[in-house]
Amino acid sequence: MSGLRDFLLAQRDKSSRWRTILFAVLGALLTLNIVFRPHEPHFGLDGYPFFWAAFGLAIGLVMVYAMKKIIQPLIVRKEDHYGDI
């Protein structure tokens, strides 16, 4: 079990390298989206390049906003809700 822990701790120290790799993969996928287009778009907008990337970003931002403004006030508790432990 400590082998996995040591591995994960070592990877945490290399987070900037992982971030660079993941952004490179994202850039490659976006570049391939220009070359490989859908054969027959089902909707009007999904024929444009980067539509699904922009759609995913927009939906993700809407979900974050909804969680912060709508859901969090419903589930938040006072700091001393559970008493002194």
Foldseek 3Di string as FASTA:
>chain_A
DVVVVVVVVVVVVVVVVVVVVVVVVVVVVLVVQVVDADPDDPDDPRRDRCPVVVVVVVVVVVVVVCCVPPVCVVPDDDPCRVHDD
